[in-house]
């Protein structure tokens, strides 16, 4: 699965109708719905704001699409199909239409909404997503240097280091790296039986 790095936009004109596509990274349904309202306000004088989104969560991928007054199946469905085809998640696409006075027909509408979406997708920088965890691990001061070196070498993010009453470190790690990581630190006599999984999440990985 993949997502996008940052917001991108596209614009096409079809028989005097203008189609403005905005592609967003979103982390949940609430954020997606807020972005849709933001677009409605930004282009308040437009006739249609059609959208599609795919958001991954604990129970799988949530999908939603809307034709926003266009003939059924001419906007939201083809836009969602493009997101599926490119295996994109945690993304929202909104295509705003300014009517130009010439009817496009169902086929013409579907092609225009698909093209506006496709151009935005092609302009985006993609990021891979892998299953991972945020873990809390007890660590002594003498073991810290080794752990920091190991994490740098293996592209594991350290989120927090704490040396108060009970020293610990919090890091993000992908599931495919976790087994080797636990084996390596167990050999160094880390207290892995006290390791705590704080959160399961999808971690971003840059696509070359």
N, C-alpha and C. Protein backbone atom coordinates (compact mmCIF):
# COMPACT_ATOMS: atom_id res chain seq x y z
N UNK A 1 0.83 -1.20 0.00
CA UNK A 1 0.00 0.00 0.00
C UNK A 1 0.87 1.26 0.00
N UNK A 2 0.25 2.34 -0.48
CA UNK A 2 0.99 3.60 -0.59
C UNK A 2 0.08 4.74 -0.15
N UNK A 3 0.71 5.87 0.15
CA UNK A 3 -0.03 7.10 0.39
C UNK A 3 0.73 8.22 -0.31
N UNK A 4 0.34 9.48 -0.06
CA UNK A 4 1.03 10.59 -0.70
C UNK A 4 1.73 11.44 0.36
N UNK A 5 2.75 12.15 -0.07
CA UNK A 5 3.56 12.94 0.86
C UNK A 5 2.88 14.24 1.25
N UNK A 6 2.24 14.91 0.29
CA UNK A 6 1.63 16.21 0.59
C UNK A 6 0.56 16.52 -0.45
N UNK A 7 -0.20 17.55 -0.18
CA UNK A 7 -1.31 17.95 -1.05
C UNK A 7 -0.81 18.35 -2.44
N UNK A 8 -1.55 17.92 -3.45
CA UNK A 8 -1.27 18.35 -4.83
C UNK A 8 -2.61 18.70 -5.50
N UNK A 9 -2.54 19.44 -6.58
CA UNK A 9 -3.76 19.82 -7.29
C UNK A 9 -3.57 19.69 -8.79
N UNK A 10 -4.69 19.65 -9.49
CA UNK A 10 -4.68 19.58 -10.96
C UNK A 10 -5.85 20.40 -11.47
N UNK A 11 -5.80 20.72 -12.76
CA UNK A 11 -6.91 21.47 -13.36
C UNK A 11 -7.02 21.12 -14.83
N UNK A 12 -8.23 20.78 -15.27
CA UNK A 12 -8.47 20.52 -16.68
C UNK A 12 -9.73 21.29 -17.11
N UNK A 13 -9.85 21.52 -18.39
CA UNK A 13 -11.05 22.16 -18.96
C UNK A 13 -11.61 21.24 -20.03
N UNK A 14 -12.89 20.94 -19.92
CA UNK A 14 -13.57 20.06 -20.88
C UNK A 14 -14.85 20.75 -21.33
N UNK A 15 -14.89 21.15 -22.61
CA UNK A 15 -16.05 21.84 -23.17
C UNK A 15 -16.52 22.98 -22.27
N UNK A 16 -15.57 23.82 -21.90
CA UNK A 16 -15.78 25.03 -21.11
C UNK A 16 -16.06 24.78 -19.62
N UNK A 17 -16.23 23.52 -19.22
CA UNK A 17 -16.35 23.23 -17.79
C UNK A 17 -14.96 23.06 -17.21
N UNK A 18 -14.72 23.70 -16.06
CA UNK A 18 -13.43 23.59 -15.39
C UNK A 18 -13.52 22.57 -14.26
N UNK A 19 -12.55 21.65 -14.21
CA UNK A 19 -12.48 20.62 -13.18
C UNK A 19 -11.19 20.82 -12.39
N UNK A 20 -11.32 21.11 -11.10
CA UNK A 20 -10.15 21.34 -10.24
C UNK A 20 -10.03 20.17 -9.27
N UNK A 21 -8.93 19.44 -9.37
CA UNK A 21 -8.71 18.30 -8.49
C UNK A 21 -7.76 18.65 -7.35
N UNK A 22 -8.14 18.29 -6.14
CA UNK A 22 -7.27 18.46 -4.97
C UNK A 22 -7.11 17.12 -4.28
N UNK A 23 -5.86 16.69 -4.13
CA UNK A 23 -5.54 15.41 -3.53
C UNK A 23 -4.84 15.66 -2.20
N UNK A 24 -5.39 15.08 -1.12
CA UNK A 24 -4.88 15.32 0.23
C UNK A 24 -4.43 14.03 0.90
N UNK A 25 -3.45 14.15 1.79
CA UNK A 25 -3.14 13.09 2.75
C UNK A 25 -4.03 13.30 3.97
N UNK A 26 -4.74 12.26 4.38
CA UNK A 26 -5.59 12.34 5.58
C UNK A 26 -5.36 11.08 6.41
N UNK A 27 -5.52 11.20 7.72
CA UNK A 27 -5.27 10.08 8.62
C UNK A 27 -6.53 9.41 9.13
N UNK A 28 -7.68 10.09 9.01
CA UNK A 28 -8.92 9.50 9.50
C UNK A 28 -10.11 10.14 8.78
N UNK A 29 -11.30 9.54 9.02
CA UNK A 29 -12.51 10.00 8.34
C UNK A 29 -12.84 11.44 8.72
N UNK A 30 -12.65 11.78 9.99
CA UNK A 30 -12.97 13.14 10.44
C UNK A 30 -12.13 14.18 9.70
N UNK A 31 -10.86 13.86 9.50
CA UNK A 31 -9.98 14.79 8.78
C UNK A 31 -10.41 14.90 7.32
N UNK A 32 -10.82 13.78 6.73
CA UNK A 32 -11.28 13.81 5.34
C UNK A 32 -12.53 14.67 5.20
N UNK A 33 -13.49 14.48 6.09
CA UNK A 33 -14.73 15.26 6.01
C UNK A 33 -14.46 16.74 6.22
N UNK A 34 -13.50 17.07 7.10
CA UNK A 34 -13.16 18.47 7.32
C UNK A 34 -12.54 19.09 6.06
N UNK A 35 -11.71 18.33 5.37
CA UNK A 35 -11.09 18.82 4.13
C UNK A 35 -12.16 19.05 3.05
N UNK A 36 -13.14 18.18 2.98
CA UNK A 36 -14.22 18.34 2.00
C UNK A 36 -14.96 19.65 2.25
N UNK A 37 -15.25 19.94 3.53
CA UNK A 37 -15.92 21.19 3.86
C UNK A 37 -15.03 22.40 3.54
N UNK A 38 -13.72 22.23 3.74
CA UNK A 38 -12.78 23.29 3.42
C UNK A 38 -12.83 23.62 1.93
N UNK A 39 -12.90 22.57 1.10
CA UNK A 39 -12.98 22.78 -0.36
C UNK A 39 -14.30 23.44 -0.74
N UNK A 40 -15.38 23.02 -0.11
CA UNK A 40 -16.68 23.65 -0.41
C UNK A 40 -16.64 25.15 -0.13
N UNK A 41 -15.97 25.55 0.93
CA UNK A 41 -15.87 26.97 1.27
C UNK A 41 -14.90 27.69 0.33
N UNK A 42 -13.81 27.00 -0.04
CA UNK A 42 -12.81 27.63 -0.92
C UNK A 42 -13.41 27.94 -2.28
N UNK A 43 -14.19 26.99 -2.81
CA UNK A 43 -14.83 27.17 -4.13
C UNK A 43 -16.35 27.25 -3.93
N UNK A 44 -16.78 28.20 -3.14
CA UNK A 44 -18.18 28.27 -2.73
C UNK A 44 -19.13 28.54 -3.89
N UNK A 45 -18.61 29.07 -4.99
CA UNK A 45 -19.45 29.40 -6.13
C UNK A 45 -19.50 28.30 -7.17
N UNK A 46 -18.90 27.15 -6.89
CA UNK A 46 -18.90 26.03 -7.84
C UNK A 46 -20.16 25.19 -7.66
N UNK A 47 -20.52 24.46 -8.72
CA UNK A 47 -21.75 23.68 -8.70
C UNK A 47 -21.58 22.33 -8.02
N UNK A 48 -20.45 21.67 -8.21
CA UNK A 48 -20.25 20.32 -7.69
C UNK A 48 -18.88 20.17 -7.03
N UNK A 49 -18.85 19.42 -5.94
CA UNK A 49 -17.61 19.05 -5.26
C UNK A 49 -17.65 17.53 -5.03
N UNK A 50 -17.24 16.78 -6.02
CA UNK A 50 -17.29 15.32 -5.95
C UNK A 50 -16.02 14.81 -5.27
N UNK A 51 -16.14 13.70 -4.55
CA UNK A 51 -14.97 13.24 -3.80
C UNK A 51 -14.92 11.72 -3.66
N UNK A 52 -13.75 11.26 -3.28
CA UNK A 52 -13.54 9.85 -2.93
C UNK A 52 -12.39 9.78 -1.94
N UNK A 53 -12.50 8.86 -0.99
CA UNK A 53 -11.36 8.66 -0.08
C UNK A 53 -11.25 7.20 0.35
N UNK A 54 -10.03 6.83 0.72
CA UNK A 54 -9.71 5.51 1.26
C UNK A 54 -8.82 5.73 2.48
N UNK A 55 -9.25 5.22 3.62
CA UNK A 55 -8.53 5.44 4.88
C UNK A 55 -8.35 4.10 5.57
N UNK A 56 -7.12 3.78 5.95
CA UNK A 56 -6.83 2.51 6.59
C UNK A 56 -6.88 2.66 8.10
N UNK A 57 -7.47 1.66 8.75
CA UNK A 57 -7.57 1.66 10.20
C UNK A 57 -7.45 0.26 10.74
N UNK A 58 -7.78 0.08 12.00
CA UNK A 58 -7.63 -1.22 12.64
C UNK A 58 -8.51 -2.29 11.99
N UNK A 59 -9.65 -1.89 11.44
CA UNK A 59 -10.59 -2.85 10.86
C UNK A 59 -10.54 -2.89 9.34
N UNK A 60 -9.46 -2.43 8.76
CA UNK A 60 -9.33 -2.45 7.31
C UNK A 60 -9.46 -1.07 6.70
N UNK A 61 -9.81 -1.03 5.42
CA UNK A 61 -9.88 0.23 4.68
C UNK A 61 -11.32 0.73 4.60
N UNK A 62 -11.52 1.97 5.01
CA UNK A 62 -12.83 2.64 4.88
C UNK A 62 -12.84 3.42 3.57
N UNK A 63 -13.87 3.19 2.76
CA UNK A 63 -13.99 3.87 1.47
C UNK A 63 -15.31 4.63 1.41
N UNK A 64 -15.27 5.79 0.77
CA UNK A 64 -16.49 6.55 0.52
C UNK A 64 -16.31 7.38 -0.74
N UNK A 65 -17.38 7.53 -1.49
CA UNK A 65 -17.35 8.34 -2.71
C UNK A 65 -18.68 9.06 -2.86
N UNK A 66 -18.64 10.22 -3.50
CA UNK A 66 -19.86 11.01 -3.70
C UNK A 66 -19.85 11.67 -5.08
N UNK A 67 -21.02 11.61 -5.75
CA UNK A 67 -21.20 12.31 -7.02
C UNK A 67 -21.66 13.75 -6.83
N UNK A 68 -22.08 14.10 -5.63
CA UNK A 68 -22.49 15.47 -5.28
C UNK A 68 -23.38 16.12 -6.33
N UNK A 69 -24.43 15.40 -6.71
CA UNK A 69 -25.40 15.99 -7.64
C UNK A 69 -25.18 15.66 -9.10
N UNK A 70 -24.01 15.14 -9.45
CA UNK A 70 -23.79 14.69 -10.83
C UNK A 70 -24.56 13.37 -11.04
N UNK A 71 -24.82 12.98 -12.29
CA UNK A 71 -25.49 11.70 -12.53
C UNK A 71 -24.77 10.54 -11.83
N UNK A 72 -25.54 9.63 -11.28
CA UNK A 72 -24.99 8.54 -10.47
C UNK A 72 -23.90 7.76 -11.20
N UNK A 73 -22.77 7.59 -10.53
CA UNK A 73 -21.68 6.79 -11.07
C UNK A 73 -20.74 7.51 -12.01
N UNK A 74 -20.94 8.82 -12.21
CA UNK A 74 -20.10 9.54 -13.19
C UNK A 74 -18.90 10.24 -12.56
N UNK A 75 -18.84 10.31 -11.24
CA UNK A 75 -17.76 11.08 -10.59
C UNK A 75 -17.09 10.28 -9.47
N UNK A 76 -17.79 10.12 -8.36
CA UNK A 76 -17.19 9.48 -7.20
C UNK A 76 -16.66 8.09 -7.46
N UNK A 77 -17.44 7.26 -8.16
CA UNK A 77 -17.02 5.87 -8.41
C UNK A 77 -15.75 5.78 -9.25
N UNK A 78 -15.65 6.46 -10.39
CA UNK A 78 -14.39 6.39 -11.15
C UNK A 78 -13.20 7.00 -10.41
N UNK A 79 -13.45 8.01 -9.57
CA UNK A 79 -12.36 8.59 -8.78
C UNK A 79 -11.86 7.57 -7.75
N UNK A 80 -12.80 6.90 -7.09
CA UNK A 80 -12.43 5.87 -6.11
C UNK A 80 -11.71 4.71 -6.77
N UNK A 81 -12.15 4.36 -7.96
CA UNK A 81 -11.52 3.27 -8.70
C UNK A 81 -10.04 3.57 -8.98
N UNK A 82 -9.73 4.82 -9.27
CA UNK A 82 -8.34 5.21 -9.51
C UNK A 82 -7.50 5.09 -8.25
N UNK A 83 -8.06 5.47 -7.11
CA UNK A 83 -7.33 5.33 -5.85
C UNK A 83 -7.06 3.86 -5.56
N UNK A 84 -8.06 3.00 -5.82
CA UNK A 84 -7.88 1.56 -5.63
C UNK A 84 -6.83 1.00 -6.57
N UNK A 85 -6.91 1.40 -7.83
CA UNK A 85 -5.98 0.89 -8.84
C UNK A 85 -4.53 1.19 -8.46
N UNK A 86 -4.29 2.35 -7.85
CA UNK A 86 -2.93 2.74 -7.46
C UNK A 86 -2.57 2.33 -6.03
N UNK A 87 -3.48 1.56 -5.39
CA UNK A 87 -3.25 1.05 -4.03
C UNK A 87 -2.97 2.18 -3.04
N UNK A 88 -3.67 3.29 -3.20
CA UNK A 88 -3.48 4.44 -2.34
C UNK A 88 -4.45 4.40 -1.16
N UNK A 89 -3.94 4.67 0.03
CA UNK A 89 -4.76 4.76 1.23
C UNK A 89 -4.39 6.03 1.98
N UNK A 90 -5.25 6.40 2.93
CA UNK A 90 -5.08 7.66 3.67
C UNK A 90 -4.99 8.84 2.71
N UNK A 91 -5.84 8.78 1.69
CA UNK A 91 -5.90 9.86 0.71
C UNK A 91 -7.35 10.25 0.45
N UNK A 92 -7.53 11.51 0.15
CA UNK A 92 -8.82 12.08 -0.24
C UNK A 92 -8.61 12.86 -1.53
N UNK A 93 -9.49 12.64 -2.50
CA UNK A 93 -9.47 13.48 -3.69
C UNK A 93 -10.83 14.16 -3.82
N UNK A 94 -10.80 15.47 -4.03
CA UNK A 94 -12.01 16.26 -4.27
C UNK A 94 -11.85 16.94 -5.63
N UNK A 95 -12.80 16.71 -6.50
CA UNK A 95 -12.78 17.38 -7.81
C UNK A 95 -13.97 18.34 -7.87
N UNK A 96 -13.64 19.62 -7.99
CA UNK A 96 -14.64 20.69 -8.05
C UNK A 96 -14.91 21.03 -9.50
N UNK A 97 -16.20 21.15 -9.86
CA UNK A 97 -16.56 21.47 -11.24
C UNK A 97 -17.27 22.82 -11.33
N UNK A 98 -16.74 23.66 -12.22
CA UNK A 98 -17.43 24.89 -12.61
C UNK A 98 -18.08 24.62 -13.97
N UNK A 99 -19.39 24.63 -14.01
CA UNK A 99 -20.14 24.29 -15.22
C UNK A 99 -19.94 25.35 -16.30
N UNK A 100 -19.63 24.89 -17.51
CA UNK A 100 -19.35 25.82 -18.60
C UNK A 100 -20.49 26.03 -19.56
N UNK A 101 -21.64 25.43 -19.28
CA UNK A 101 -22.81 25.68 -20.13
C UNK A 101 -23.06 24.62 -21.18
N UNK A 102 -22.13 23.66 -21.33
CA UNK A 102 -22.29 22.59 -22.32
C UNK A 102 -22.37 21.26 -21.59
N UNK A 103 -23.44 20.50 -21.86
CA UNK A 103 -23.59 19.19 -21.22
C UNK A 103 -22.55 18.22 -21.77
N UNK A 104 -21.95 17.44 -20.87
CA UNK A 104 -20.90 16.51 -21.27
C UNK A 104 -21.40 15.07 -21.45
N UNK A 105 -22.58 14.77 -20.94
CA UNK A 105 -23.06 13.39 -20.98
C UNK A 105 -22.36 12.56 -19.92
N UNK A 106 -22.91 11.38 -19.64
CA UNK A 106 -22.36 10.54 -18.57
C UNK A 106 -20.94 10.09 -18.88
N UNK A 107 -20.68 9.72 -20.11
CA UNK A 107 -19.33 9.28 -20.49
C UNK A 107 -18.32 10.40 -20.39
N UNK A 108 -18.70 11.58 -20.85
CA UNK A 108 -17.80 12.72 -20.79
C UNK A 108 -17.51 13.15 -19.35
N UNK A 109 -18.52 13.08 -18.50
CA UNK A 109 -18.31 13.43 -17.10
C UNK A 109 -17.35 12.44 -16.42
N UNK A 110 -17.58 11.16 -16.65
CA UNK A 110 -16.72 10.14 -16.03
C UNK A 110 -15.27 10.31 -16.47
N UNK A 111 -15.07 10.60 -17.76
CA UNK A 111 -13.70 10.80 -18.27
C UNK A 111 -13.07 12.04 -17.65
N UNK A 112 -13.83 13.11 -17.52
CA UNK A 112 -13.29 14.36 -16.98
C UNK A 112 -12.92 14.21 -15.50
N UNK A 113 -13.80 13.62 -14.72
CA UNK A 113 -13.49 13.43 -13.29
C UNK A 113 -12.31 12.47 -13.11
N UNK A 114 -12.26 11.44 -13.95
CA UNK A 114 -11.13 10.50 -13.89
C UNK A 114 -9.82 11.18 -14.26
N UNK A 115 -9.86 12.02 -15.31
CA UNK A 115 -8.64 12.70 -15.75
C UNK A 115 -8.12 13.67 -14.70
N UNK A 116 -9.03 14.44 -14.09
CA UNK A 116 -8.62 15.39 -13.05
C UNK A 116 -7.99 14.65 -11.87
N UNK A 117 -8.57 13.51 -11.51
CA UNK A 117 -8.01 12.69 -10.43
C UNK A 117 -6.67 12.10 -10.83
N UNK A 118 -6.60 11.54 -12.03
CA UNK A 118 -5.38 10.89 -12.51
C UNK A 118 -4.21 11.87 -12.56
N UNK A 119 -4.46 13.08 -13.03
CA UNK A 119 -3.38 14.07 -13.13
C UNK A 119 -2.86 14.46 -11.74
N UNK A 120 -3.77 14.57 -10.77
CA UNK A 120 -3.33 14.88 -9.41
C UNK A 120 -2.50 13.73 -8.83
N UNK A 121 -2.96 12.49 -9.05
CA UNK A 121 -2.24 11.31 -8.56
C UNK A 121 -0.84 11.24 -9.17
N UNK A 122 -0.74 11.52 -10.46
CA UNK A 122 0.55 11.44 -11.15
C UNK A 122 1.53 12.51 -10.65
N UNK A 123 1.02 13.63 -10.21
CA UNK A 123 1.88 14.72 -9.71
C UNK A 123 2.38 14.47 -8.28
N UNK A 124 1.70 13.58 -7.56
CA UNK A 124 2.00 13.38 -6.14
C UNK A 124 3.29 12.59 -5.94
N UNK A 125 3.97 12.85 -4.82
CA UNK A 125 5.09 12.02 -4.37
C UNK A 125 4.52 10.92 -3.48
N UNK A 126 4.82 9.67 -3.83
CA UNK A 126 4.24 8.54 -3.12
C UNK A 126 5.14 8.06 -2.00
N UNK A 127 4.51 7.55 -0.95
CA UNK A 127 5.21 6.99 0.20
C UNK A 127 4.63 5.61 0.50
N UNK A 128 5.50 4.62 0.70
CA UNK A 128 5.05 3.27 1.04
C UNK A 128 4.58 3.21 2.49
N UNK A 129 3.65 2.30 2.77
CA UNK A 129 3.16 2.08 4.13
C UNK A 129 3.40 0.63 4.53
N UNK A 130 3.97 0.44 5.72
CA UNK A 130 4.22 -0.90 6.24
C UNK A 130 3.66 -1.01 7.65
N UNK A 131 3.17 -2.21 8.00
CA UNK A 131 2.67 -2.44 9.36
C UNK A 131 3.82 -2.29 10.35
N UNK A 132 3.54 -1.62 11.45
CA UNK A 132 4.58 -1.41 12.44
C UNK A 132 4.00 -1.22 13.83
N UNK A 133 4.89 -0.94 14.76
CA UNK A 133 4.50 -0.74 16.16
C UNK A 133 5.31 0.39 16.78
N UNK A 134 4.70 1.03 17.76
CA UNK A 134 5.43 1.94 18.64
C UNK A 134 5.67 1.16 19.94
N UNK A 135 6.94 0.97 20.31
CA UNK A 135 7.25 0.16 21.49
C UNK A 135 8.04 0.96 22.52
N UNK A 136 7.81 0.58 23.77
CA UNK A 136 8.52 1.19 24.91
C UNK A 136 9.44 0.12 25.50
N UNK A 137 10.73 0.44 25.59
CA UNK A 137 11.72 -0.55 25.99
C UNK A 137 12.60 0.00 27.11
N UNK A 138 12.70 -0.70 28.24
CA UNK A 138 13.63 -0.27 29.29
C UNK A 138 15.06 -0.28 28.76
N UNK A 139 15.85 0.72 29.12
CA UNK A 139 17.23 0.79 28.63
C UNK A 139 18.11 1.47 29.68
N UNK A 140 19.25 0.87 29.92
CA UNK A 140 20.20 1.49 30.84
C UNK A 140 21.06 2.50 30.08
N UNK A 141 21.70 3.40 30.82
CA UNK A 141 22.52 4.41 30.18
C UNK A 141 23.67 3.77 29.41
N UNK A 142 24.25 2.68 29.95
CA UNK A 142 25.40 2.04 29.29
C UNK A 142 24.99 1.34 27.98
N UNK A 143 23.70 1.01 27.84
CA UNK A 143 23.23 0.36 26.61
C UNK A 143 22.72 1.36 25.57
N UNK A 144 22.58 2.61 25.96
CA UNK A 144 21.96 3.59 25.08
C UNK A 144 22.73 3.79 23.78
N UNK A 145 24.03 3.91 23.86
CA UNK A 145 24.85 4.17 22.66
C UNK A 145 24.68 3.05 21.64
N UNK A 146 24.71 1.80 22.11
CA UNK A 146 24.53 0.67 21.19
C UNK A 146 23.16 0.73 20.53
N UNK A 147 22.11 1.01 21.33
CA UNK A 147 20.76 1.04 20.79
C UNK A 147 20.59 2.17 19.77
N UNK A 148 21.15 3.33 20.06
CA UNK A 148 21.07 4.44 19.10
C UNK A 148 21.79 4.10 17.81
N UNK A 149 22.95 3.47 17.91
CA UNK A 149 23.70 3.07 16.72
C UNK A 149 22.90 2.05 15.91
N UNK A 150 22.34 1.06 16.58
CA UNK A 150 21.57 0.02 15.89
C UNK A 150 20.38 0.64 15.15
N UNK A 151 19.67 1.55 15.82
CA UNK A 151 18.50 2.16 15.21
C UNK A 151 18.87 3.02 14.00
N UNK A 152 19.95 3.77 14.09
CA UNK A 152 20.41 4.58 12.95
C UNK A 152 20.77 3.67 11.77
N UNK A 153 21.49 2.61 12.05
CA UNK A 153 21.96 1.69 11.01
C UNK A 153 20.80 0.99 10.31
N UNK A 154 19.71 0.72 11.04
CA UNK A 154 18.60 -0.05 10.50
C UNK A 154 17.34 0.77 10.25
N UNK A 155 17.51 2.09 10.21
CA UNK A 155 16.40 3.00 9.87
C UNK A 155 15.19 2.79 10.79
N UNK A 156 15.45 2.78 12.09
CA UNK A 156 14.40 2.66 13.10
C UNK A 156 14.34 4.00 13.85
N UNK A 157 13.16 4.60 13.91
CA UNK A 157 13.02 5.93 14.50
C UNK A 157 12.90 5.87 16.02
N UNK A 158 13.75 6.62 16.71
CA UNK A 158 13.63 6.78 18.16
C UNK A 158 12.77 8.02 18.42
N UNK A 159 11.65 7.83 19.09
CA UNK A 159 10.71 8.92 19.33
C UNK A 159 11.00 9.66 20.63
N UNK A 160 11.48 8.92 21.63
CA UNK A 160 11.70 9.54 22.94
C UNK A 160 12.71 8.74 23.74
N UNK A 161 13.58 9.43 24.47
CA UNK A 161 14.50 8.80 25.41
C UNK A 161 14.29 9.43 26.78
N UNK A 162 14.09 8.59 27.79
CA UNK A 162 13.77 9.09 29.12
C UNK A 162 14.69 8.45 30.15
N UNK A 163 15.34 9.27 31.00
CA UNK A 163 16.23 8.75 32.04
C UNK A 163 15.81 9.23 33.43
N UNK A 164 14.50 9.26 33.65
CA UNK A 164 14.00 9.58 34.98
C UNK A 164 14.11 8.35 35.88
N UNK A 165 13.15 8.17 36.76
CA UNK A 165 13.21 7.10 37.75
C UNK A 165 13.34 5.72 37.11
N UNK A 166 12.58 5.46 36.02
CA UNK A 166 12.65 4.18 35.30
C UNK A 166 13.04 4.48 33.85
N UNK A 167 14.33 4.40 33.51
CA UNK A 167 14.80 4.75 32.16
C UNK A 167 14.14 3.88 31.09
N UNK A 168 13.77 4.53 29.97
CA UNK A 168 13.18 3.79 28.85
C UNK A 168 13.39 4.57 27.56
N UNK A 169 13.11 3.89 26.47
CA UNK A 169 13.19 4.51 25.15
C UNK A 169 11.94 4.11 24.38
N UNK A 170 11.39 5.02 23.57
CA UNK A 170 10.22 4.72 22.74
C UNK A 170 10.64 4.83 21.28
N UNK A 171 10.32 3.81 20.50
CA UNK A 171 10.73 3.81 19.10
C UNK A 171 9.64 3.23 18.21
N UNK A 172 9.74 3.55 16.92
CA UNK A 172 8.85 2.99 15.89
C UNK A 172 9.61 1.95 15.10
N UNK A 173 8.98 0.80 14.86
CA UNK A 173 9.65 -0.26 14.12
C UNK A 173 8.64 -1.01 13.26
N UNK A 174 9.04 -1.38 12.06
CA UNK A 174 8.16 -2.17 11.20
C UNK A 174 8.17 -3.62 11.67
N UNK A 175 7.08 -4.32 11.40
CA UNK A 175 6.95 -5.71 11.85
C UNK A 175 8.06 -6.59 11.25
N UNK A 176 8.44 -6.33 10.00
CA UNK A 176 9.45 -7.18 9.37
C UNK A 176 10.84 -7.00 9.99
N UNK A 177 11.06 -5.90 10.70
CA UNK A 177 12.36 -5.67 11.36
C UNK A 177 12.35 -6.11 12.83
N UNK A 178 11.16 -6.32 13.37
CA UNK A 178 11.03 -6.51 14.82
C UNK A 178 11.72 -7.78 15.31
N UNK A 179 11.57 -8.90 14.58
CA UNK A 179 12.15 -10.16 15.02
C UNK A 179 13.67 -10.09 15.16
N UNK A 180 14.32 -9.56 14.14
CA UNK A 180 15.78 -9.42 14.18
C UNK A 180 16.20 -8.46 15.29
N UNK A 181 15.44 -7.37 15.45
CA UNK A 181 15.74 -6.39 16.48
C UNK A 181 15.71 -7.03 17.87
N UNK A 182 14.64 -7.78 18.17
CA UNK A 182 14.53 -8.42 19.48
C UNK A 182 15.65 -9.42 19.72
N UNK A 183 16.03 -10.15 18.68
CA UNK A 183 17.13 -11.12 18.80
C UNK A 183 18.45 -10.41 19.12
N UNK A 184 18.70 -9.30 18.42
CA UNK A 184 19.95 -8.56 18.62
C UNK A 184 20.04 -7.98 20.04
N UNK A 185 18.97 -7.39 20.51
CA UNK A 185 19.05 -6.73 21.82
C UNK A 185 18.99 -7.76 22.96
N UNK A 186 18.37 -8.91 22.69
CA UNK A 186 18.38 -9.97 23.71
C UNK A 186 19.80 -10.48 23.94
N UNK A 187 20.56 -10.56 22.85
CA UNK A 187 21.96 -10.97 22.96
C UNK A 187 22.78 -9.98 23.79
N UNK A 188 22.34 -8.71 23.76
CA UNK A 188 23.02 -7.67 24.54
C UNK A 188 22.45 -7.57 25.96
N UNK A 189 21.56 -8.52 26.30
CA UNK A 189 20.96 -8.63 27.65
C UNK A 189 20.08 -7.43 28.01
N UNK A 190 19.35 -6.93 27.00
CA UNK A 190 18.31 -5.95 27.29
C UNK A 190 17.14 -6.67 27.97
N UNK A 191 16.35 -5.93 28.71
CA UNK A 191 15.23 -6.50 29.46
C UNK A 191 13.99 -6.56 28.56
N UNK A 192 14.00 -7.42 27.53
CA UNK A 192 12.94 -7.39 26.54
C UNK A 192 11.61 -7.92 27.06
N UNK A 193 11.63 -8.68 28.17
CA UNK A 193 10.36 -9.16 28.73
C UNK A 193 9.52 -8.02 29.28
N UNK A 194 10.13 -6.87 29.49
CA UNK A 194 9.40 -5.69 29.97
C UNK A 194 9.05 -4.73 28.84
N UNK A 195 9.32 -5.15 27.61
CA UNK A 195 8.96 -4.32 26.47
C UNK A 195 7.44 -4.20 26.37
N UNK A 196 6.97 -3.01 26.02
CA UNK A 196 5.53 -2.74 25.94
C UNK A 196 5.18 -2.17 24.57
N UNK A 197 4.19 -2.78 23.92
CA UNK A 197 3.69 -2.25 22.65
C UNK A 197 2.66 -1.17 22.95
N UNK A 198 2.99 0.06 22.61
CA UNK A 198 2.10 1.19 22.91
C UNK A 198 1.04 1.39 21.84
N UNK A 199 1.40 1.08 20.59
CA UNK A 199 0.48 1.36 19.48
C UNK A 199 0.85 0.53 18.25
N UNK A 200 -0.16 0.04 17.56
CA UNK A 200 0.04 -0.57 16.25
C UNK A 200 -0.34 0.47 15.20
N UNK A 201 0.52 0.66 14.20
CA UNK A 201 0.25 1.70 13.21
C UNK A 201 0.96 1.36 11.90
N UNK A 202 0.58 2.05 10.84
CA UNK A 202 1.26 1.91 9.56
C UNK A 202 2.34 2.98 9.49
N UNK A 203 3.55 2.55 9.20
CA UNK A 203 4.69 3.47 9.16
C UNK A 203 5.03 3.81 7.72
N UNK A 204 5.44 5.06 7.52
CA UNK A 204 5.74 5.53 6.17
C UNK A 204 7.17 5.16 5.76
N UNK A 205 7.31 4.80 4.50
CA UNK A 205 8.62 4.45 3.94
C UNK A 205 8.73 5.09 2.57
N UNK A 206 9.75 5.90 2.38
CA UNK A 206 9.93 6.63 1.12
C UNK A 206 10.08 5.65 -0.05
N UNK A 207 9.37 5.90 -1.13
CA UNK A 207 9.49 5.10 -2.34
C UNK A 207 10.53 5.75 -3.24
N UNK A 208 11.52 4.99 -3.65
CA UNK A 208 12.60 5.54 -4.48
C UNK A 208 12.10 5.76 -5.91
